Amino acid sequence: MKCVICHGDDIQLRDVREELAVGNDVVFISVKALVCGTCGERYYDRRVMRFLEEAEGKLKEGKAELREVGKILLYG
């Protein structure tokens, strides 16, 4: 497989964090995806896409179980 962006061939399965915005909050979701080692382009299979879509739906409905892992504060 070659990367559609940079045409590199260093594509490996890696653990990545996808970010979803929920109001003023950001939710990180860990998934496995193919990632180009040259440019960083990510390739998601159907199973991962379904998982992310379901997670987004639960977040919008307020039905997702979340745990707080830190805070981001804004000054000024």
PDB file of N, CA and C in Angstrom:
ATOM      1  N   MET A   1       0.849  -1.189   0.000  1.00  0.00           N
ATOM      2  CA  MET A   1       0.000   0.000   0.000  1.00  0.00           C
ATOM      3  C   MET A   1       0.883   1.236   0.000  1.00  0.00           C
ATOM      4  N   LYS A   2       0.525   2.193  -0.818  1.00  0.00           N
ATOM      5  CA  LYS A   2       1.232   3.471  -0.874  1.00  0.00           C
ATOM      6  C   LYS A   2       0.316   4.566  -0.330  1.00  0.00           C
ATOM      7  N   CYS A   3       0.916   5.542   0.307  1.00  0.00           N
ATOM      8  CA  CYS A   3       0.172   6.674   0.849  1.00  0.00           C
ATOM      9  C   CYS A   3      -0.394   7.516  -0.298  1.00  0.00           C
ATOM     10  N   VAL A   4      -1.661   7.889  -0.175  1.00  0.00           N
ATOM     11  CA  VAL A   4      -2.286   8.697  -1.226  1.00  0.00           C
ATOM     12  C   VAL A   4      -1.826  10.151  -1.174  1.00  0.00           C
ATOM     13  N   ILE A   5      -1.234  10.565  -0.055  1.00  0.00           N
ATOM     14  CA  ILE A   5      -0.779  11.954   0.082  1.00  0.00           C
ATOM     15  C   ILE A   5       0.658  12.119  -0.416  1.00  0.00           C
ATOM     16  N   CYS A   6       1.588  11.351   0.184  1.00  0.00           N
ATOM     17  CA  CYS A   6       3.006  11.536  -0.143  1.00  0.00           C
ATOM     18  C   CYS A   6       3.587  10.417  -0.993  1.00  0.00           C
ATOM     19  N   HIS A   7       2.799   9.385  -1.260  1.00  0.00           N
ATOM     20  CA  HIS A   7       3.203   8.230  -2.052  1.00  0.00           C
ATOM     21  C   HIS A   7       4.298   7.389  -1.384  1.00  0.00           C
ATOM     22  N   GLY A   8       4.503   7.606  -0.080  1.00  0.00           N
ATOM     23  CA  GLY A   8       5.466   6.795   0.660  1.00  0.00           C
ATOM     24  C   GLY A   8       4.910   5.400   0.895  1.00  0.00           C
ATOM     25  N   ASP A   9       5.798   4.472   1.233  1.00  0.00           N
ATOM     26  CA  ASP A   9       5.344   3.103   1.456  1.00  0.00           C
ATOM     27  C   ASP A   9       5.608   2.617   2.882  1.00  0.00           C
ATOM     28  N   ASP A  10       5.926   3.541   3.795  1.00  0.00           N
ATOM     29  CA  ASP A  10       6.149   3.211   5.202  1.00  0.00           C
ATOM     30  C   ASP A  10       4.838   3.372   5.976  1.00  0.00           C
ATOM     31  N   ILE A  11       3.909   2.448   5.769  1.00  0.00           N
ATOM     32  CA  ILE A  11       2.601   2.512   6.416  1.00  0.00           C
ATOM     33  C   ILE A  11       2.494   1.351   7.391  1.00  0.00           C
ATOM     34  N   GLN A  12       2.255   1.690   8.659  1.00  0.00           N
ATOM     35  CA  GLN A  12       2.214   0.673   9.707  1.00  0.00           C
ATOM     36  C   GLN A  12       0.991   0.852  10.586  1.00  0.00           C
ATOM     37  N   LEU A  13       0.546  -0.250  11.204  1.00  0.00           N
ATOM     38  CA  LEU A  13      -0.559  -0.217  12.150  1.00  0.00           C
ATOM     39  C   LEU A  13      -0.031   0.360  13.462  1.00  0.00           C
ATOM     40  N   ARG A  14      -0.706   1.406  13.955  1.00  0.00           N
ATOM     41  CA  ARG A  14      -0.266   2.076  15.190  1.00  0.00           C
ATOM     42  C   ARG A  14      -1.459   2.413  16.060  1.00  0.00           C
ATOM     43  N   ASP A  15      -1.178   2.632  17.326  1.00  0.00           N
ATOM     44  CA  ASP A  15      -2.176   3.153  18.252  1.00  0.00           C
ATOM     45  C   ASP A  15      -2.212   4.662  18.078  1.00  0.00           C
ATOM     46  N   VAL A  16      -3.397   5.207  17.831  1.00  0.00           N
ATOM     47  CA  VAL A  16      -3.547   6.649  17.667  1.00  0.00           C
ATOM     48  C   VAL A  16      -4.690   7.133  18.552  1.00  0.00           C
ATOM     49  N   ARG A  17      -4.699   8.421  18.818  1.00  0.00           N
ATOM     50  CA  ARG A  17      -5.786   9.046  19.572  1.00  0.00           C
ATOM     51  C   ARG A  17      -6.543   9.976  18.647  1.00  0.00           C
ATOM     52  N   GLU A  18      -7.806   9.718  18.541  1.00  0.00           N
ATOM     53  CA  GLU A  18      -8.678  10.571  17.739  1.00  0.00           C
ATOM     54  C   GLU A  18      -9.332  11.553  18.717  1.00  0.00           C
ATOM     55  N   GLU A  19      -9.511  12.792  18.309  1.00  0.00           N
ATOM     56  CA  GLU A  19     -10.117  13.817  19.163  1.00  0.00           C
ATOM     57  C   GLU A  19     -11.531  14.125  18.683  1.00  0.00           C
ATOM     58  N   LEU A  20     -12.467  14.156  19.629  1.00  0.00           N
ATOM     59  CA  LEU A  20     -13.830  14.575  19.331  1.00  0.00           C
ATOM     60  C   LEU A  20     -14.185  15.725  20.262  1.00  0.00           C
ATOM     61  N   ALA A  21     -14.742  16.781  19.717  1.00  0.00           N
ATOM     62  CA  ALA A  21     -15.150  17.923  20.524  1.00  0.00           C
ATOM     63  C   ALA A  21     -16.558  17.713  21.040  1.00  0.00           C
ATOM     64  N   VAL A  22     -16.743  17.984  22.334  1.00  0.00           N
ATOM     65  CA  VAL A  22     -18.052  17.888  22.970  1.00  0.00           C
ATOM     66  C   VAL A  22     -18.236  19.178  23.749  1.00  0.00           C
ATOM     67  N   GLY A  23     -18.970  20.127  23.173  1.00  0.00           N
ATOM     68  CA  GLY A  23     -19.092  21.438  23.810  1.00  0.00           C
ATOM     69  C   GLY A  23     -17.721  22.085  23.891  1.00  0.00           C
ATOM     70  N   ASN A  24     -17.327  22.463  25.114  1.00  0.00           N
ATOM     71  CA  ASN A  24     -16.003  23.054  25.325  1.00  0.00           C
ATOM     72  C   ASN A  24     -14.953  22.007  25.677  1.00  0.00           C
ATOM     73  N   ASP A  25     -15.338  20.754  25.693  1.00  0.00           N
ATOM     74  CA  ASP A  25     -14.441  19.677  26.081  1.00  0.00           C
ATOM     75  C   ASP A  25     -13.916  18.928  24.855  1.00  0.00           C
ATOM     76  N   VAL A  26     -12.802  18.238  25.050  1.00  0.00           N
ATOM     77  CA  VAL A  26     -12.226  17.386  24.016  1.00  0.00           C
ATOM     78  C   VAL A  26     -12.148  15.976  24.591  1.00  0.00           C
ATOM     79  N   VAL A  27     -12.626  15.007  23.830  1.00  0.00           N
ATOM     80  CA  VAL A  27     -12.587  13.613  24.241  1.00  0.00           C
ATOM     81  C   VAL A  27     -11.593  12.891  23.336  1.00  0.00           C
ATOM     82  N   PHE A  28     -10.635  12.191  23.952  1.00  0.00           N
ATOM     83  CA  PHE A  28      -9.675  11.390  23.214  1.00  0.00           C
ATOM     84  C   PHE A  28     -10.182   9.957  23.152  1.00  0.00           C
ATOM     85  N   ILE A  29     -10.134   9.374  21.964  1.00  0.00           N
ATOM     86  CA  ILE A  29     -10.551   7.987  21.776  1.00  0.00           C
ATOM     87  C   ILE A  29      -9.373   7.242  21.153  1.00  0.00           C
ATOM     88  N   SER A  30      -8.900   6.213  21.842  1.00  0.00           N
ATOM     89  CA  SER A  30      -7.766   5.426  21.347  1.00  0.00           C
ATOM     90  C   SER A  30      -8.259   4.348  20.391  1.00  0.00           C
ATOM     91  N   VAL A  31      -7.633   4.288  19.222  1.00  0.00           N
ATOM     92  CA  VAL A  31      -7.961   3.270  18.218  1.00  0.00           C
ATOM     93  C   VAL A  31      -6.675   2.844  17.520  1.00  0.00           C
ATOM     94  N   LYS A  32      -6.749   1.759  16.776  1.00  0.00           N
ATOM     95  CA  LYS A  32      -5.632   1.320  15.940  1.00  0.00           C
ATOM     96  C   LYS A  32      -5.935   1.736  14.502  1.00  0.00           C
ATOM     97  N   ALA A  33      -4.933   2.280  13.835  1.00  0.00           N
ATOM     98  CA  ALA A  33      -5.110   2.712  12.451  1.00  0.00           C
ATOM     99  C   ALA A  33      -3.792   2.560  11.704  1.00  0.00           C
ATOM    100  N   LEU A  34      -3.891   2.433  10.394  1.00  0.00           N
ATOM    101  CA  LEU A  34      -2.698   2.463   9.562  1.00  0.00           C
ATOM    102  C   LEU A  34      -2.250   3.917   9.458  1.00  0.00           C
ATOM    103  N   VAL A  35      -0.945   4.148   9.665  1.00  0.00           N
ATOM    104  CA  VAL A  35      -0.411   5.514   9.656  1.00  0.00           C
ATOM    105  C   VAL A  35       0.822   5.545   8.760  1.00  0.00           C
ATOM    106  N   CYS A  36       0.876   6.549   7.911  1.00  0.00           N
ATOM    107  CA  CYS A  36       2.047   6.744   7.054  1.00  0.00           C
ATOM    108  C   CYS A  36       3.183   7.300   7.916  1.00  0.00           C
ATOM    109  N   GLY A  37       4.318   6.610   7.901  1.00  0.00           N
ATOM    110  CA  GLY A  37       5.472   7.045   8.678  1.00  0.00           C
ATOM    111  C   GLY A  37       6.150   8.279   8.109  1.00  0.00           C
ATOM    112  N   THR A  38       5.843   8.627   6.877  1.00  0.00           N
ATOM    113  CA  THR A  38       6.462   9.788   6.241  1.00  0.00           C
ATOM    114  C   THR A  38       5.682  11.068   6.511  1.00  0.00           C
ATOM    115  N   CYS A  39       4.368  11.047   6.247  1.00  0.00           N
ATOM    116  CA  CYS A  39       3.587  12.284   6.376  1.00  0.00           C
ATOM    117  C   CYS A  39       2.545  12.252   7.503  1.00  0.00           C
ATOM    118  N   GLY A  40       2.279  11.069   8.082  1.00  0.00           N
ATOM    119  CA  GLY A  40       1.333  10.984   9.189  1.00  0.00           C
ATOM    120  C   GLY A  40      -0.113  10.754   8.794  1.00  0.00           C
ATOM    121  N   GLU A  41      -0.387  10.621   7.513  1.00  0.00           N
ATOM    122  CA  GLU A  41      -1.764  10.368   7.064  1.00  0.00           C
ATOM    123  C   GLU A  41      -2.284   9.086   7.719  1.00  0.00           C
ATOM    124  N   ARG A  42      -3.549   9.136   8.177  1.00  0.00           N
ATOM    125  CA  ARG A  42      -4.159   7.986   8.840  1.00  0.00           C
ATOM    126  C   ARG A  42      -5.191   7.335   7.933  1.00  0.00           C
ATOM    127  N   TYR A  43      -5.265   6.008   8.022  1.00  0.00           N
ATOM    128  CA  TYR A  43      -6.226   5.226   7.247  1.00  0.00           C
ATOM    129  C   TYR A  43      -7.021   4.357   8.211  1.00  0.00           C
ATOM    130  N   TYR A  44      -8.346   4.572   8.241  1.00  0.00           N
ATOM    131  CA  TYR A  44      -9.219   3.842   9.154  1.00  0.00           C
ATOM    132  C   TYR A  44     -10.028   2.797   8.391  1.00  0.00           C
ATOM    133  N   ASP A  45     -10.146   1.603   8.957  1.00  0.00           N
ATOM    134  CA  ASP A  45     -10.997   0.601   8.334  1.00  0.00           C
ATOM    135  C   ASP A  45     -12.447   0.826   8.766  1.00  0.00           C
ATOM    136  N   ARG A  46     -13.366   0.078   8.183  1.00  0.00           N
ATOM    137  CA  ARG A  46     -14.799   0.259   8.459  1.00  0.00           C
ATOM    138  C   ARG A  46     -15.147   0.034   9.916  1.00  0.00           C
ATOM    139  N   ARG A  47     -14.508  -0.952  10.536  1.00  0.00           N
ATOM    140  CA  ARG A  47     -14.787  -1.266  11.934  1.00  0.00           C
ATOM    141  C   ARG A  47     -14.438  -0.081  12.842  1.00  0.00           C
ATOM    142  N   VAL A  48     -13.288   0.519  12.611  1.00  0.00           N
ATOM    143  CA  VAL A  48     -12.861   1.671  13.412  1.00  0.00           C
ATOM    144  C   VAL A  48     -13.775   2.865  13.147  1.00  0.00           C
ATOM    145  N   MET A  49     -14.138   3.085  11.884  1.00  0.00           N
ATOM    146  CA  MET A  49     -15.041   4.198  11.565  1.00  0.00           C
ATOM    147  C   MET A  49     -16.383   4.030  12.256  1.00  0.00           C
ATOM    148  N   ARG A  50     -16.927   2.815  12.261  1.00  0.00           N
ATOM    149  CA  ARG A  50     -18.193   2.558  12.955  1.00  0.00           C
ATOM    150  C   ARG A  50     -18.058   2.829  14.450  1.00  0.00           C
ATOM    151  N   PHE A  51     -16.947   2.369  15.023  1.00  0.00           N
ATOM    152  CA  PHE A  51     -16.687   2.591  16.441  1.00  0.00           C
ATOM    153  C   PHE A  51     -16.647   4.086  16.765  1.00  0.00           C
ATOM    154  N   LEU A  52     -15.941   4.870  15.929  1.00  0.00           N
ATOM    155  CA  LEU A  52     -15.858   6.319  16.154  1.00  0.00           C
ATOM    156  C   LEU A  52     -17.216   6.996  15.980  1.00  0.00           C
ATOM    157  N   GLU A  53     -17.986   6.563  14.996  1.00  0.00           N
ATOM    158  CA  GLU A  53     -19.322   7.138  14.782  1.00  0.00           C
ATOM    159  C   GLU A  53     -20.250   6.816  15.953  1.00  0.00           C
ATOM    160  N   GLU A  54     -20.181   5.583  16.455  1.00  0.00           N
ATOM    161  CA  GLU A  54     -21.005   5.205  17.608  1.00  0.00           C
ATOM    162  C   GLU A  54     -20.587   5.992  18.848  1.00  0.00           C
ATOM    163  N   ALA A  55     -19.289   6.165  19.044  1.00  0.00           N
ATOM    164  CA  ALA A  55     -18.799   6.941  20.181  1.00  0.00           C
ATOM    165  C   ALA A  55     -19.275   8.380  20.090  1.00  0.00           C
ATOM    166  N   GLU A  56     -19.222   8.954  18.898  1.00  0.00           N
ATOM    167  CA  GLU A  56     -19.676  10.332  18.711  1.00  0.00           C
ATOM    168  C   GLU A  56     -21.171  10.458  19.023  1.00  0.00           C
ATOM    169  N   GLY A  57     -21.963   9.461  18.594  1.00  0.00           N
ATOM    170  CA  GLY A  57     -23.393   9.470  18.892  1.00  0.00           C
ATOM    171  C   GLY A  57     -23.661   9.412  20.390  1.00  0.00           C
ATOM    172  N   LYS A  58     -22.955   8.538  21.105  1.00  0.00           N
ATOM    173  CA  LYS A  58     -23.120   8.427  22.557  1.00  0.00           C
ATOM    174  C   LYS A  58     -22.716   9.718  23.253  1.00  0.00           C
ATOM    175  N   LEU A  59     -21.649  10.346  22.767  1.00  0.00           N
ATOM    176  CA  LEU A  59     -21.211  11.607  23.358  1.00  0.00           C
ATOM    177  C   LEU A  59     -22.264  12.694  23.175  1.00  0.00           C
ATOM    178  N   LYS A  60     -22.831  12.780  21.990  1.00  0.00           N
ATOM    179  CA  LYS A  60     -23.859  13.788  21.713  1.00  0.00           C
ATOM    180  C   LYS A  60     -25.111  13.566  22.549  1.00  0.00           C
ATOM    181  N   GLU A  61     -25.444  12.289  22.811  1.00  0.00           N
ATOM    182  CA  GLU A  61     -26.621  11.956  23.606  1.00  0.00           C
ATOM    183  C   GLU A  61     -26.349  12.023  25.104  1.00  0.00           C
ATOM    184  N   GLY A  62     -25.096  12.207  25.490  1.00  0.00           N
ATOM    185  CA  GLY A  62     -24.732  12.244  26.904  1.00  0.00           C
ATOM    186  C   GLY A  62     -24.730  10.871  27.544  1.00  0.00           C
ATOM    187  N   LYS A  63     -24.595   9.816  26.763  1.00  0.00           N
ATOM    188  CA  LYS A  63     -24.654   8.450  27.268  1.00  0.00           C
ATOM    189  C   LYS A  63     -23.293   7.770  27.351  1.00  0.00           C
ATOM    190  N   ALA A  64     -22.222   8.489  27.085  1.00  0.00           N
ATOM    191  CA  ALA A  64     -20.884   7.891  27.113  1.00  0.00           C
ATOM    192  C   ALA A  64     -20.318   7.953  28.525  1.00  0.00           C
ATOM    193  N   GLU A  65     -19.656   6.886  28.930  1.00  0.00           N
ATOM    194  CA  GLU A  65     -18.979   6.873  30.213  1.00  0.00           C
ATOM    195  C   GLU A  65     -17.581   7.439  30.014  1.00  0.00           C
ATOM    196  N   LEU A  66     -17.305   8.563  30.650  1.00  0.00           N
ATOM    197  CA  LEU A  66     -16.025   9.243  30.495  1.00  0.00           C
ATOM    198  C   LEU A  66     -15.326   9.341  31.842  1.00  0.00           C
ATOM    199  N   ARG A  67     -14.020   9.421  31.793  1.00  0.00           N
ATOM    200  CA  ARG A  67     -13.268   9.678  33.014  1.00  0.00           C
ATOM    201  C   ARG A  67     -12.368  10.879  32.764  1.00  0.00           C
ATOM    202  N   GLU A  68     -12.281  11.732  33.742  1.00  0.00           N
ATOM    203  CA  GLU A  68     -11.458  12.929  33.627  1.00  0.00           C
ATOM    204  C   GLU A  68     -10.008  12.556  33.859  1.00  0.00           C
ATOM    205  N   VAL A  69      -9.138  12.999  32.961  1.00  0.00           N
ATOM    206  CA  VAL A  69      -7.719  12.672  33.087  1.00  0.00           C
ATOM    207  C   VAL A  69      -6.855  13.923  33.233  1.00  0.00           C
ATOM    208  N   GLY A  70      -7.450  15.070  33.233  1.00  0.00           N
ATOM    209  CA  GLY A  70      -6.697  16.311  33.372  1.00  0.00           C
ATOM    210  C   GLY A  70      -7.592  17.504  33.108  1.00  0.00           C
ATOM    211  N   LYS A  71      -7.003  18.671  33.148  1.00  0.00           N
ATOM    212  CA  LYS A  71      -7.753  19.891  32.893  1.00  0.00           C
ATOM    213  C   LYS A  71      -6.940  20.790  31.971  1.00  0.00           C
ATOM    214  N   ILE A  72      -7.646  21.516  31.157  1.00  0.00           N
ATOM    215  CA  ILE A  72      -7.018  22.563  30.356  1.00  0.00           C
ATOM    216  C   ILE A  72      -7.669  23.861  30.785  1.00  0.00           C
ATOM    217  N   LEU A  73      -6.858  24.803  31.171  1.00  0.00           N
ATOM    218  CA  LEU A  73      -7.366  26.071  31.664  1.00  0.00           C
ATOM    219  C   LEU A  73      -6.973  27.186  30.700  1.00  0.00           C
ATOM    220  N   LEU A  74      -7.830  28.184  30.610  1.00  0.00           N
ATOM    221  CA  LEU A  74      -7.580  29.323  29.725  1.00  0.00           C
ATOM    222  C   LEU A  74      -7.432  30.560  30.580  1.00  0.00           C
ATOM    223  N   TYR A  75      -6.361  31.286  30.392  1.00  0.00           N
ATOM    224  CA  TYR A  75      -6.104  32.506  31.120  1.00  0.00           C
ATOM    225  C   TYR A  75      -6.255  33.684  30.181  1.00  0.00           C
ATOM    226  N   GLY A  76      -7.066  34.654  30.577  1.00  0.00           N
ATOM    227  CA  GLY A  76      -7.185  35.895  29.825  1.00  0.00           C
ATOM    228  C   GLY A  76      -8.101  35.891  28.669  1.00  0.00           C
TER     229      GLY A  76
END
